[in-house]
Amino acid sequence: MEKNQLLELLRQKQLTDVIELIEDAEAGDLEELELVEHLGLLADEALNREVLRLLQDLGVTIIYVTDDEGDAEAE
C-alpha cells in the first residue's frame, strides 16, 4: 500500500495518533518505537503491518519488548 493510501485510510478510521507518529517519523523526530510484539500498534493486523513497514521505511527502529518489560516501564 502506498503512503498516501495508507494515510487516507488512517484518516477515515480517525487514527490521528498513528498519523502523528508517521508525521514525526517524516520530520526525523521519531527514531525508535517500542511495542509489545503480540499487541502491535493497531488491532487490525494488516493495517498494523503496513504502518510498521512505513515507519521502518522512514528510518524508525521498531523495538519489541516483552509484556514484563512493558509492565515495568508503566510503573
Protein backbone atom coordinates (compact mmCIF):
# COMPACT_ATOMS: atom_id res chain seq x y z
CA MET A 1 0.00 0.00 0.00
CA GLU A 2 1.32 3.42 -0.91
CA LYS A 3 1.89 6.03 1.78
CA ASN A 4 -0.91 8.32 0.57
CA GLN A 5 -3.40 5.44 0.52
CA LEU A 6 -2.34 4.40 4.00
CA LEU A 7 -2.67 7.94 5.36
CA GLU A 8 -6.14 8.30 3.82
CA LEU A 9 -7.24 5.02 5.39
CA LEU A 10 -5.91 6.15 8.76
CA ARG A 11 -7.81 9.46 8.38
CA GLN A 12 -11.02 7.59 7.54
CA LYS A 13 -10.58 5.47 10.68
CA GLN A 14 -9.77 8.62 12.68
CA LEU A 15 -6.43 7.19 13.85
CA THR A 16 -4.87 10.60 14.39
CA ASP A 17 -2.29 9.31 16.89
CA VAL A 18 -0.88 6.95 14.27
CA ILE A 19 -0.87 9.72 11.64
CA GLU A 20 1.09 11.88 14.11
CA LEU A 21 3.65 9.07 14.56
CA ILE A 22 4.13 8.93 10.79
CA GLU A 23 4.47 12.71 10.58
CA ASP A 24 7.02 12.65 13.42
CA ALA A 25 8.97 9.96 11.57
CA GLU A 26 8.93 12.02 8.37
CA ALA A 27 10.24 15.04 10.29
CA GLY A 28 13.03 12.96 11.84
CA ASP A 29 11.53 13.37 15.32
CA LEU A 30 10.86 9.65 15.83
CA GLU A 31 13.83 7.31 15.76
CA GLU A 32 12.59 4.37 17.85
CA LEU A 33 9.23 2.89 18.72
CA GLU A 34 8.80 0.31 21.48
CA LEU A 35 5.95 -2.16 21.05
CA VAL A 36 4.77 -5.34 22.70
CA GLU A 37 5.06 -7.64 19.70
CA HIS A 38 1.83 -9.60 20.12
CA LEU A 39 -0.15 -6.37 20.66
CA GLY A 40 1.40 -4.31 17.89
CA LEU A 41 0.34 -0.75 17.24
CA LEU A 42 -3.14 -1.36 15.80
CA ALA A 43 -5.77 -4.06 16.30
CA ASP A 44 -6.16 -4.51 12.52
CA GLU A 45 -3.23 -6.83 11.72
CA ALA A 46 -2.96 -5.93 8.03
CA LEU A 47 -3.08 -2.21 8.76
CA ASN A 48 -0.62 -2.68 11.62
CA ARG A 49 1.86 -4.37 9.24
CA GLU A 50 1.52 -1.56 6.69
CA VAL A 51 2.03 1.19 9.29
CA LEU A 52 5.06 -0.54 10.80
CA ARG A 53 6.54 -1.11 7.34
CA LEU A 54 6.10 2.57 6.51
CA LEU A 55 7.65 3.66 9.82
CA GLN A 56 10.64 1.40 9.16
CA ASP A 57 10.94 2.77 5.62
CA LEU A 58 11.07 6.23 7.21
CA GLY A 59 14.01 5.12 9.36
CA VAL A 60 12.21 4.25 12.60
CA THR A 61 13.67 1.33 14.54
CA ILE A 62 10.92 -0.90 15.95
CA ILE A 63 11.93 -2.35 19.31
CA TYR A 64 9.84 -5.25 20.55
CA VAL A 65 9.56 -5.64 24.31
CA THR A 66 8.02 -8.42 26.35
CA ASP A 67 4.91 -7.93 28.46
CA ASP A 68 7.12 -7.89 31.55
CA GLU A 69 9.26 -5.04 30.20
CA GLY A 70 6.19 -3.03 29.24
CA ASP A 71 4.64 -3.55 32.70
CA ALA A 72 7.83 -2.46 34.44
CA GLU A 73 8.02 0.75 32.40
CA ALA A 74 4.39 1.59 33.18
CA GLU A 75 5.01 1.55 36.92
